[in-house]
Amino acid sequence: MTIPSVTSKRLVLRLYRDLCRYGSQLQFTDREYFLQRVRREFDQNRNVTDLKEIEFCYKRGRTLLEQARVI
């Protein structure tokens, strides 16, 4: 899946929101840790401009949600 550059910001923002929603539903792990980790990952990758790197990070986040696994 290639992320079009025009909509990549929108897709990444949606991924962030989905991860936060997923984190708020966690029961058996530390919610705060998960949410801090998500924020830290997104903050660290804020200035990434390489489309392949953005696509890799996006797929990584989507896979996390699809498999319902904690980071």
N, C-alpha and C. Protein backbone atom coordinates (compact mmCIF):
# COMPACT_ATOMS: atom_id res chain seq x y z
N MET A 1 0.85 -1.18 0.00
CA MET A 1 0.00 0.00 0.00
C MET A 1 0.89 1.24 0.00
N THR A 2 0.72 2.06 -0.97
CA THR A 2 1.47 3.30 -1.04
C THR A 2 0.59 4.43 -0.54
N ILE A 3 1.14 5.24 0.31
CA ILE A 3 0.39 6.36 0.87
C ILE A 3 0.58 7.56 -0.05
N PRO A 4 -0.50 8.08 -0.63
CA PRO A 4 -0.37 9.30 -1.44
C PRO A 4 0.07 10.46 -0.57
N SER A 5 0.99 11.27 -1.06
CA SER A 5 1.54 12.35 -0.24
C SER A 5 0.50 13.38 0.18
N VAL A 6 -0.52 13.58 -0.65
CA VAL A 6 -1.55 14.57 -0.33
C VAL A 6 -2.36 14.14 0.89
N THR A 7 -2.66 12.86 0.98
CA THR A 7 -3.50 12.39 2.08
C THR A 7 -2.70 11.75 3.21
N SER A 8 -1.38 11.72 3.10
CA SER A 8 -0.60 11.04 4.12
C SER A 8 -0.79 11.66 5.50
N LYS A 9 -0.88 12.97 5.57
CA LYS A 9 -1.08 13.61 6.88
C LYS A 9 -2.40 13.18 7.48
N ARG A 10 -3.42 13.11 6.66
CA ARG A 10 -4.74 12.71 7.14
C ARG A 10 -4.72 11.26 7.62
N LEU A 11 -4.07 10.38 6.86
CA LEU A 11 -3.99 8.97 7.24
C LEU A 11 -3.17 8.79 8.51
N VAL A 12 -2.08 9.51 8.63
CA VAL A 12 -1.24 9.41 9.83
C VAL A 12 -2.00 9.92 11.04
N LEU A 13 -2.73 11.01 10.89
CA LEU A 13 -3.52 11.53 12.00
C LEU A 13 -4.60 10.54 12.41
N ARG A 14 -5.23 9.89 11.44
CA ARG A 14 -6.24 8.88 11.74
C ARG A 14 -5.60 7.70 12.48
N LEU A 15 -4.41 7.30 12.04
CA LEU A 15 -3.70 6.22 12.72
C LEU A 15 -3.41 6.59 14.17
N TYR A 16 -2.96 7.81 14.39
CA TYR A 16 -2.68 8.29 15.76
C TYR A 16 -3.94 8.22 16.62
N ARG A 17 -5.04 8.70 16.09
CA ARG A 17 -6.30 8.66 16.84
C ARG A 17 -6.74 7.23 17.12
N ASP A 18 -6.60 6.36 16.12
CA ASP A 18 -6.98 4.95 16.31
C ASP A 18 -6.12 4.29 17.37
N LEU A 19 -4.82 4.57 17.37
CA LEU A 19 -3.93 4.01 18.38
C LEU A 19 -4.29 4.52 19.77
N CYS A 20 -4.63 5.79 19.87
CA CYS A 20 -5.03 6.35 21.17
C CYS A 20 -6.33 5.72 21.66
N ARG A 21 -7.27 5.52 20.76
CA ARG A 21 -8.52 4.85 21.15
C ARG A 21 -8.25 3.43 21.61
N TYR A 22 -7.40 2.74 20.86
CA TYR A 22 -7.04 1.37 21.23
C TYR A 22 -6.37 1.36 22.61
N GLY A 23 -5.47 2.29 22.84
CA GLY A 23 -4.79 2.37 24.12
C GLY A 23 -5.72 2.64 25.29
N SER A 24 -6.75 3.42 25.05
CA SER A 24 -7.68 3.74 26.13
C SER A 24 -8.57 2.54 26.48
N GLN A 25 -8.61 1.54 25.61
CA GLN A 25 -9.43 0.35 25.86
C GLN A 25 -8.64 -0.79 26.49
N LEU A 26 -7.33 -0.63 26.65
CA LEU A 26 -6.51 -1.69 27.21
C LEU A 26 -6.90 -1.96 28.65
N GLN A 27 -6.90 -3.24 29.00
CA GLN A 27 -7.26 -3.62 30.35
C GLN A 27 -6.12 -4.27 31.11
N PHE A 28 -5.32 -5.06 30.43
CA PHE A 28 -4.31 -5.85 31.12
C PHE A 28 -2.92 -5.26 31.04
N THR A 29 -2.78 -4.10 30.49
CA THR A 29 -1.48 -3.45 30.43
C THR A 29 -1.62 -2.03 30.94
N ASP A 30 -0.52 -1.39 31.07
CA ASP A 30 -0.50 -0.01 31.56
C ASP A 30 -0.91 0.93 30.44
N ARG A 31 -2.08 1.49 30.54
CA ARG A 31 -2.59 2.40 29.51
C ARG A 31 -1.69 3.60 29.31
N GLU A 32 -1.25 4.17 30.42
CA GLU A 32 -0.41 5.36 30.33
C GLU A 32 0.90 5.07 29.60
N TYR A 33 1.48 3.92 29.89
CA TYR A 33 2.72 3.56 29.20
C TYR A 33 2.48 3.46 27.69
N PHE A 34 1.41 2.78 27.31
CA PHE A 34 1.10 2.61 25.90
C PHE A 34 0.89 3.97 25.22
N LEU A 35 0.10 4.83 25.83
CA LEU A 35 -0.18 6.13 25.23
C LEU A 35 1.08 7.00 25.16
N GLN A 36 1.92 6.95 26.19
CA GLN A 36 3.18 7.69 26.15
C GLN A 36 4.08 7.17 25.05
N ARG A 37 4.09 5.86 24.88
CA ARG A 37 4.92 5.26 23.83
C ARG A 37 4.44 5.69 22.44
N VAL A 38 3.13 5.71 22.25
CA VAL A 38 2.56 6.15 20.96
C VAL A 38 2.93 7.60 20.71
N ARG A 39 2.75 8.45 21.71
CA ARG A 39 3.09 9.87 21.56
C ARG A 39 4.58 10.05 21.25
N ARG A 40 5.43 9.31 21.96
CA ARG A 40 6.87 9.41 21.75
C ARG A 40 7.25 8.98 20.33
N GLU A 41 6.68 7.87 19.85
CA GLU A 41 6.98 7.39 18.50
C GLU A 41 6.56 8.41 17.45
N PHE A 42 5.37 8.97 17.60
CA PHE A 42 4.90 9.95 16.64
C PHE A 42 5.73 11.22 16.71
N ASP A 43 6.10 11.62 17.92
CA ASP A 43 6.92 12.83 18.07
C ASP A 43 8.30 12.64 17.46
N GLN A 44 8.90 11.47 17.65
CA GLN A 44 10.22 11.20 17.09
C GLN A 44 10.20 11.18 15.57
N ASN A 45 9.09 10.77 15.00
CA ASN A 45 8.99 10.65 13.54
C ASN A 45 8.29 11.84 12.90
N ARG A 46 8.10 12.89 13.65
CA ARG A 46 7.39 14.08 13.17
C ARG A 46 8.04 14.69 11.93
N ASN A 47 9.34 14.70 11.86
CA ASN A 47 10.05 15.38 10.78
C ASN A 47 10.51 14.45 9.66
N VAL A 48 10.00 13.23 9.65
CA VAL A 48 10.37 12.29 8.58
C VAL A 48 9.71 12.76 7.28
N THR A 49 10.52 12.87 6.23
CA THR A 49 9.99 13.33 4.95
C THR A 49 10.10 12.27 3.86
N ASP A 50 10.91 11.25 4.09
CA ASP A 50 11.07 10.18 3.11
C ASP A 50 9.78 9.36 3.05
N LEU A 51 9.18 9.28 1.86
CA LEU A 51 7.90 8.59 1.72
C LEU A 51 7.99 7.11 2.07
N LYS A 52 9.12 6.48 1.78
CA LYS A 52 9.27 5.07 2.13
C LYS A 52 9.31 4.88 3.64
N GLU A 53 9.96 5.79 4.33
CA GLU A 53 10.02 5.72 5.80
C GLU A 53 8.65 5.98 6.40
N ILE A 54 7.93 6.94 5.85
CA ILE A 54 6.57 7.23 6.32
C ILE A 54 5.68 6.02 6.11
N GLU A 55 5.79 5.41 4.95
CA GLU A 55 4.99 4.23 4.64
C GLU A 55 5.32 3.08 5.59
N PHE A 56 6.61 2.89 5.88
CA PHE A 56 7.02 1.84 6.81
C PHE A 56 6.41 2.07 8.20
N CYS A 57 6.51 3.27 8.70
CA CYS A 57 5.96 3.60 10.02
C CYS A 57 4.45 3.44 10.05
N TYR A 58 3.80 3.86 8.97
CA TYR A 58 2.34 3.74 8.88
C TYR A 58 1.93 2.27 8.92
N LYS A 59 2.60 1.44 8.11
CA LYS A 59 2.28 0.02 8.08
C LYS A 59 2.53 -0.63 9.45
N ARG A 60 3.57 -0.20 10.10
CA ARG A 60 3.88 -0.72 11.43
C ARG A 60 2.75 -0.43 12.42
N GLY A 61 2.25 0.79 12.38
CA GLY A 61 1.14 1.16 13.26
C GLY A 61 -0.15 0.44 12.92
N ARG A 62 -0.44 0.30 11.64
CA ARG A 62 -1.65 -0.41 11.22
C ARG A 62 -1.58 -1.88 11.61
N THR A 63 -0.41 -2.48 11.45
CA THR A 63 -0.24 -3.88 11.82
C THR A 63 -0.46 -4.06 13.32
N LEU A 64 0.03 -3.13 14.09
CA LEU A 64 -0.16 -3.17 15.54
C LEU A 64 -1.65 -3.18 15.87
N LEU A 65 -2.42 -2.34 15.21
CA LEU A 65 -3.85 -2.30 15.47
C LEU A 65 -4.55 -3.57 14.98
N GLU A 66 -4.19 -4.05 13.81
CA GLU A 66 -4.85 -5.23 13.26
C GLU A 66 -4.59 -6.46 14.10
N GLN A 67 -3.40 -6.57 14.66
CA GLN A 67 -3.06 -7.73 15.47
C GLN A 67 -3.43 -7.52 16.92
N ALA A 68 -3.87 -6.31 17.26
CA ALA A 68 -4.27 -5.98 18.63
C ALA A 68 -3.17 -6.36 19.62
N ARG A 69 -1.97 -5.88 19.33
CA ARG A 69 -0.82 -6.15 20.19
C ARG A 69 -0.30 -4.87 20.78
N VAL A 70 0.29 -5.00 21.95
CA VAL A 70 0.89 -3.87 22.62
C VAL A 70 2.30 -3.71 22.10
N ILE A 71 2.78 -2.48 21.98
CA ILE A 71 4.11 -2.19 21.46
C ILE A 71 5.16 -2.84 22.33
